[in-house]
N, C-alpha and C. Protein backbone atom coordinates (compact mmCIF):
# COMPACT_ATOMS: atom_id res chain seq x y z
N MET A 1 -24.84 57.37 -43.77
CA MET A 1 -24.19 56.26 -43.32
C MET A 1 -25.28 55.68 -42.32
N THR A 2 -25.47 54.13 -42.60
CA THR A 2 -26.38 53.59 -41.60
C THR A 2 -25.64 53.19 -40.23
N VAL A 3 -26.29 52.89 -39.47
CA VAL A 3 -25.70 52.51 -37.84
C VAL A 3 -26.55 51.47 -37.32
N THR A 4 -26.07 50.64 -37.06
CA THR A 4 -26.88 49.50 -36.28
C THR A 4 -26.54 49.18 -34.96
N LYS A 5 -27.41 49.21 -34.04
CA LYS A 5 -27.15 48.89 -32.66
C LYS A 5 -27.85 47.78 -32.20
N VAL A 6 -27.28 46.97 -31.14
CA VAL A 6 -27.94 45.97 -30.76
C VAL A 6 -27.58 46.09 -29.08
N ILE A 7 -28.83 45.67 -28.28
CA ILE A 7 -28.78 45.92 -27.08
C ILE A 7 -29.57 44.98 -26.20
N ARG A 8 -28.80 44.34 -25.42
CA ARG A 8 -29.27 43.19 -24.62
C ARG A 8 -29.16 43.72 -23.41
N TYR A 9 -30.15 42.97 -22.58
CA TYR A 9 -30.38 43.08 -20.94
C TYR A 9 -31.49 42.02 -20.62
N ARG A 10 -31.43 41.79 -19.13
CA ARG A 10 -32.12 40.50 -18.55
C ARG A 10 -32.79 41.75 -17.20
N THR A 11 -34.04 41.07 -17.46
CA THR A 11 -34.81 42.04 -16.30
C THR A 11 -35.00 41.04 -15.15
N THR A 12 -35.35 41.25 -14.11
CA THR A 12 -36.00 40.42 -13.20
C THR A 12 -37.26 39.83 -13.51
N PRO A 13 -37.36 38.64 -13.04
CA PRO A 13 -38.96 37.99 -13.42
C PRO A 13 -39.81 38.82 -13.03
N GLU A 14 -39.78 39.49 -11.90
CA GLU A 14 -41.07 40.29 -11.56
C GLU A 14 -41.23 41.48 -12.41
N SER A 15 -40.15 41.96 -13.17
CA SER A 15 -40.51 43.08 -13.71
C SER A 15 -40.31 43.00 -15.35
N ALA A 16 -40.38 41.55 -15.86
CA ALA A 16 -40.26 41.42 -17.34
C ALA A 16 -41.46 42.19 -18.01
N ASP A 17 -42.66 41.76 -17.32
CA ASP A 17 -44.00 42.30 -18.02
C ASP A 17 -44.15 43.61 -17.99
N GLU A 18 -43.55 44.49 -17.18
CA GLU A 18 -43.71 45.58 -17.10
C GLU A 18 -42.85 46.67 -17.90
N ASN A 19 -41.51 45.52 -18.19
CA ASN A 19 -40.60 46.43 -19.18
C ASN A 19 -41.20 45.92 -20.59
N ALA A 20 -41.86 44.92 -20.58
CA ALA A 20 -42.55 44.58 -22.16
C ALA A 20 -43.75 45.88 -22.36
N ARG A 21 -44.50 46.22 -21.49
CA ARG A 21 -45.38 47.38 -21.35
C ARG A 21 -44.87 48.46 -21.86
N LEU A 22 -43.74 48.80 -20.88
CA LEU A 22 -43.00 50.18 -21.27
C LEU A 22 -42.38 50.12 -23.03
N VAL A 23 -42.03 49.31 -23.20
CA VAL A 23 -41.52 48.95 -24.74
C VAL A 23 -42.88 49.14 -25.60
N ARG A 24 -43.95 48.73 -25.36
CA ARG A 24 -44.79 48.84 -26.47
C ARG A 24 -45.49 50.24 -26.41
N GLU A 25 -45.25 51.00 -24.99
CA GLU A 25 -45.43 52.47 -25.08
C GLU A 25 -44.74 53.34 -26.33
N VAL A 26 -43.32 52.65 -26.16
CA VAL A 26 -41.97 53.45 -27.17
C VAL A 26 -42.69 53.08 -28.56
N PHE A 27 -43.15 51.79 -28.80
CA PHE A 27 -43.71 51.54 -30.16
C PHE A 27 -44.87 52.40 -30.69
N ALA A 28 -45.70 52.67 -29.78
CA ALA A 28 -46.98 53.07 -30.14
C ALA A 28 -46.74 54.85 -30.34
N GLU A 29 -45.89 55.22 -29.52
CA GLU A 29 -45.48 56.68 -29.89
C GLU A 29 -44.47 56.88 -31.18
N LEU A 30 -43.61 55.83 -31.43
CA LEU A 30 -42.97 55.77 -32.67
C LEU A 30 -43.88 55.46 -33.97
N SER A 31 -45.09 54.68 -33.73
CA SER A 31 -46.29 54.48 -34.58
C SER A 31 -46.84 55.66 -35.19
N ALA A 32 -47.20 56.65 -34.20
CA ALA A 32 -47.93 57.89 -34.35
C ALA A 32 -46.86 58.88 -34.77
N ALA A 33 -45.50 59.09 -34.57
CA ALA A 33 -44.59 59.87 -35.27
C ALA A 33 -44.26 59.52 -36.45
N ARG A 34 -43.97 58.37 -36.73
CA ARG A 34 -43.70 57.76 -37.88
C ARG A 34 -42.26 58.41 -38.44
N PRO A 35 -41.36 58.32 -37.59
CA PRO A 35 -39.71 58.87 -37.88
C PRO A 35 -38.98 58.00 -39.25
N GLY A 36 -38.69 59.11 -40.11
CA GLY A 36 -37.85 58.21 -41.38
C GLY A 36 -36.55 57.93 -40.74
N GLY A 37 -36.03 57.30 -41.58
CA GLY A 37 -34.66 56.61 -41.49
C GLY A 37 -34.38 56.14 -40.15
N PHE A 38 -35.22 55.45 -39.58
CA PHE A 38 -35.08 54.90 -38.41
C PHE A 38 -35.91 53.23 -38.39
N HIS A 39 -35.20 52.51 -38.13
CA HIS A 39 -35.78 51.07 -37.93
C HIS A 39 -35.45 50.46 -36.47
N TYR A 40 -36.56 49.70 -35.90
CA TYR A 40 -36.25 49.52 -34.42
C TYR A 40 -37.27 48.34 -34.20
N ALA A 41 -36.59 47.48 -33.55
CA ALA A 41 -37.48 46.13 -33.29
C ALA A 41 -36.95 45.90 -31.68
N THR A 42 -37.74 45.21 -30.92
CA THR A 42 -37.50 44.66 -29.65
C THR A 42 -38.28 43.28 -29.47
N LEU A 43 -37.19 42.39 -29.25
CA LEU A 43 -37.45 41.05 -29.00
C LEU A 43 -37.41 40.56 -27.57
N ARG A 44 -38.03 39.63 -26.97
CA ARG A 44 -38.24 39.01 -25.87
C ARG A 44 -37.54 37.47 -25.81
N LEU A 45 -36.72 37.12 -25.46
CA LEU A 45 -36.33 36.00 -25.91
C LEU A 45 -37.24 34.70 -24.81
N ASP A 46 -37.11 33.27 -25.19
CA ASP A 46 -38.02 32.61 -24.47
C ASP A 46 -37.72 32.55 -23.14
N ASP A 47 -36.58 32.82 -22.40
CA ASP A 47 -36.64 32.77 -21.04
C ASP A 47 -37.37 33.78 -20.32
N GLY A 48 -38.13 34.45 -20.91
CA GLY A 48 -39.16 35.66 -20.42
C GLY A 48 -38.48 36.99 -20.16
N VAL A 49 -37.26 36.79 -19.57
CA VAL A 49 -36.84 37.99 -19.29
C VAL A 49 -35.52 38.72 -19.89
N THR A 50 -35.01 37.96 -20.82
CA THR A 50 -33.90 38.49 -21.69
C THR A 50 -34.59 39.36 -23.21
N PHE A 51 -34.01 40.48 -23.16
CA PHE A 51 -34.62 41.57 -24.22
C PHE A 51 -33.54 41.92 -25.09
N VAL A 52 -33.95 42.17 -26.31
CA VAL A 52 -32.82 42.47 -27.42
C VAL A 52 -33.59 43.52 -28.24
N HIS A 53 -32.92 44.49 -28.17
CA HIS A 53 -33.40 45.78 -29.15
C HIS A 53 -32.69 45.61 -30.35
N VAL A 54 -32.81 46.11 -31.52
CA VAL A 54 -32.29 46.37 -32.57
C VAL A 54 -32.66 47.36 -33.51
N ALA A 55 -31.48 48.35 -33.65
CA ALA A 55 -32.23 49.66 -34.15
C ALA A 55 -31.01 50.15 -35.31
N THR A 56 -31.50 50.46 -36.43
CA THR A 56 -30.74 51.23 -37.53
C THR A 56 -31.30 52.41 -37.49
N LEU A 57 -30.09 53.28 -37.65
CA LEU A 57 -30.36 54.89 -37.75
C LEU A 57 -29.48 55.39 -38.98
N GLU A 58 -30.39 56.25 -39.59
CA GLU A 58 -29.57 56.66 -40.91
C GLU A 58 -29.37 58.06 -40.69
N GLU A 59 -30.07 58.90 -39.54
CA GLU A 59 -29.65 60.10 -39.38
C GLU A 59 -30.21 60.29 -37.92
N GLY A 60 -29.47 60.47 -37.18
CA GLY A 60 -29.99 61.05 -35.61
C GLY A 60 -30.85 59.82 -34.87
N ASN A 61 -31.12 59.96 -33.64
CA ASN A 61 -31.93 59.01 -32.94
C ASN A 61 -33.25 59.43 -32.68
N PRO A 62 -34.13 59.37 -32.94
CA PRO A 62 -35.74 60.04 -32.78
C PRO A 62 -36.11 59.41 -31.19
N LEU A 63 -35.47 58.56 -30.60
CA LEU A 63 -35.63 58.22 -29.38
C LEU A 63 -35.31 58.87 -28.36
N GLU A 64 -34.19 59.94 -28.66
CA GLU A 64 -33.56 60.92 -27.83
C GLU A 64 -34.76 62.05 -27.40
N ALA A 65 -35.71 62.13 -28.29
CA ALA A 65 -36.72 63.23 -27.73
C ALA A 65 -38.27 62.50 -27.39
N SER A 66 -37.76 61.18 -27.28
CA SER A 66 -39.53 60.50 -26.93
C SER A 66 -39.43 60.41 -25.52
N PRO A 67 -40.78 61.08 -25.08
CA PRO A 67 -41.02 60.66 -23.49
C PRO A 67 -41.40 59.56 -23.19
N ALA A 68 -41.85 58.70 -24.01
CA ALA A 68 -42.12 57.12 -23.72
C ALA A 68 -40.83 56.37 -23.43
N PHE A 69 -39.93 56.77 -24.35
CA PHE A 69 -38.44 56.26 -24.31
C PHE A 69 -37.86 56.90 -22.95
N ALA A 70 -38.04 58.02 -22.68
CA ALA A 70 -37.27 58.67 -21.21
C ALA A 70 -38.07 57.86 -20.11
N ARG A 71 -39.49 57.37 -20.17
CA ARG A 71 -39.79 56.78 -19.13
C ARG A 71 -39.41 55.42 -19.06
N PHE A 72 -39.31 54.67 -20.09
CA PHE A 72 -38.84 53.39 -20.14
C PHE A 72 -37.32 53.42 -19.71
N GLN A 73 -36.48 54.27 -20.08
CA GLN A 73 -34.97 54.32 -19.57
C GLN A 73 -34.87 54.72 -18.23
N GLY A 74 -35.84 55.81 -17.49
CA GLY A 74 -35.69 56.37 -16.50
C GLY A 74 -35.71 55.06 -15.25
N THR A 75 -36.41 54.11 -15.57
CA THR A 75 -36.47 52.94 -14.52
C THR A 75 -36.03 51.69 -14.82
N LEU A 76 -35.07 51.70 -15.89
CA LEU A 76 -34.69 50.56 -16.58
C LEU A 76 -33.52 49.81 -15.68
N ALA A 77 -32.67 50.53 -15.04
CA ALA A 77 -31.87 49.79 -13.97
C ALA A 77 -32.32 49.40 -12.69
N ALA A 78 -33.50 49.85 -12.51
CA ALA A 78 -34.22 49.14 -11.30
C ALA A 78 -34.92 47.78 -11.67
N ARG A 79 -35.27 47.77 -13.12
CA ARG A 79 -35.86 46.54 -13.66
C ARG A 79 -35.06 45.37 -14.08
N CYS A 80 -33.52 45.86 -14.07
CA CYS A 80 -32.59 44.80 -14.72
C CYS A 80 -32.03 44.00 -13.50
N GLN A 81 -31.97 42.82 -13.98
CA GLN A 81 -31.16 41.52 -13.23
C GLN A 81 -29.68 41.70 -13.99
N GLU A 82 -29.38 41.99 -14.90
CA GLU A 82 -28.21 42.05 -15.83
C GLU A 82 -28.24 43.41 -16.96
N GLY A 83 -27.59 44.27 -16.51
CA GLY A 83 -27.57 45.85 -17.38
C GLY A 83 -27.56 45.49 -18.72
N PRO A 84 -27.93 46.70 -19.53
CA PRO A 84 -27.95 46.58 -20.98
C PRO A 84 -26.19 46.53 -21.26
N THR A 85 -25.95 45.95 -22.52
CA THR A 85 -25.03 46.07 -23.16
C THR A 85 -25.17 46.47 -24.63
N VAL A 86 -24.66 47.49 -25.08
CA VAL A 86 -24.58 47.98 -26.30
C VAL A 86 -23.47 47.69 -27.14
N ALA A 87 -23.79 47.30 -28.38
CA ALA A 87 -22.63 46.84 -29.49
C ALA A 87 -23.29 47.53 -30.91
N ASP A 88 -22.21 47.70 -31.69
CA ASP A 88 -22.29 48.26 -32.82
C ASP A 88 -22.41 46.92 -33.53
N ALA A 89 -23.06 46.73 -34.54
CA ALA A 89 -23.30 45.67 -35.41
C ALA A 89 -23.08 45.52 -37.04
N GLU A 90 -22.69 44.78 -37.52
CA GLU A 90 -22.72 44.85 -39.09
C GLU A 90 -23.64 43.81 -39.67
N VAL A 91 -24.53 44.29 -40.35
CA VAL A 91 -25.62 43.52 -40.78
C VAL A 91 -24.96 42.59 -41.93
N VAL A 92 -24.73 41.14 -41.92
CA VAL A 92 -23.99 40.18 -42.80
C VAL A 92 -25.27 39.70 -44.17
N GLY A 93 -26.31 39.55 -43.50
CA GLY A 93 -27.50 39.54 -44.26
C GLY A 93 -28.77 39.43 -43.52
N ALA A 94 -29.98 39.92 -44.49
CA ALA A 94 -31.29 40.06 -43.90
C ALA A 94 -32.40 40.07 -45.04
N TRP A 95 -33.35 39.54 -45.03
CA TRP A 95 -34.22 39.28 -45.76
C TRP A 95 -35.80 39.70 -45.37
N GLY A 96 -36.55 40.73 -45.85
CA GLY A 96 -37.82 41.08 -45.51
C GLY A 96 -37.70 42.01 -44.22
N MET A 97 -36.71 42.43 -43.85
CA MET A 97 -36.57 43.46 -42.81
C MET A 97 -36.14 44.66 -43.12
N PRO A 98 -36.96 45.67 -43.46
CA PRO A 98 -36.59 47.12 -43.89
C PRO A 98 -35.66 47.59 -43.00
N GLY A 99 -34.79 48.40 -43.58
CA GLY A 99 -33.84 48.82 -42.85
C GLY A 99 -32.42 47.78 -42.51
N LEU A 100 -32.55 46.78 -42.42
CA LEU A 100 -31.72 45.84 -42.31
C LEU A 100 -30.74 45.26 -43.28
N GLU A 101 -31.15 45.67 -44.60
CA GLU A 101 -30.42 44.99 -45.58
C GLU A 101 -28.98 45.52 -45.68
N PRO A 102 -27.95 44.53 -45.99
CA PRO A 102 -26.58 45.04 -46.01
C PRO A 102 -26.45 45.85 -47.07
């Protein structure tokens, strides 16, 4: 069963670039590990401080064993102006986005 999660939060303006840097480290690690059954994207909205993460998981969560993700999460609260909200999501439609097809 595929699970889709959406996480949204807002950083402080002075922390936004650091947040983006830490997110890129997570993606570099994922690129090296290439975990199967996992699709993940992070978006930075046009206000420059709001981030949205979308993940689909078929089995388990490879981020749980990720040192880069642990570093990202370890200081997230200090970077946030508005803490993360996590929601389960139903994919209604997707095109050209592997892992998000309904």
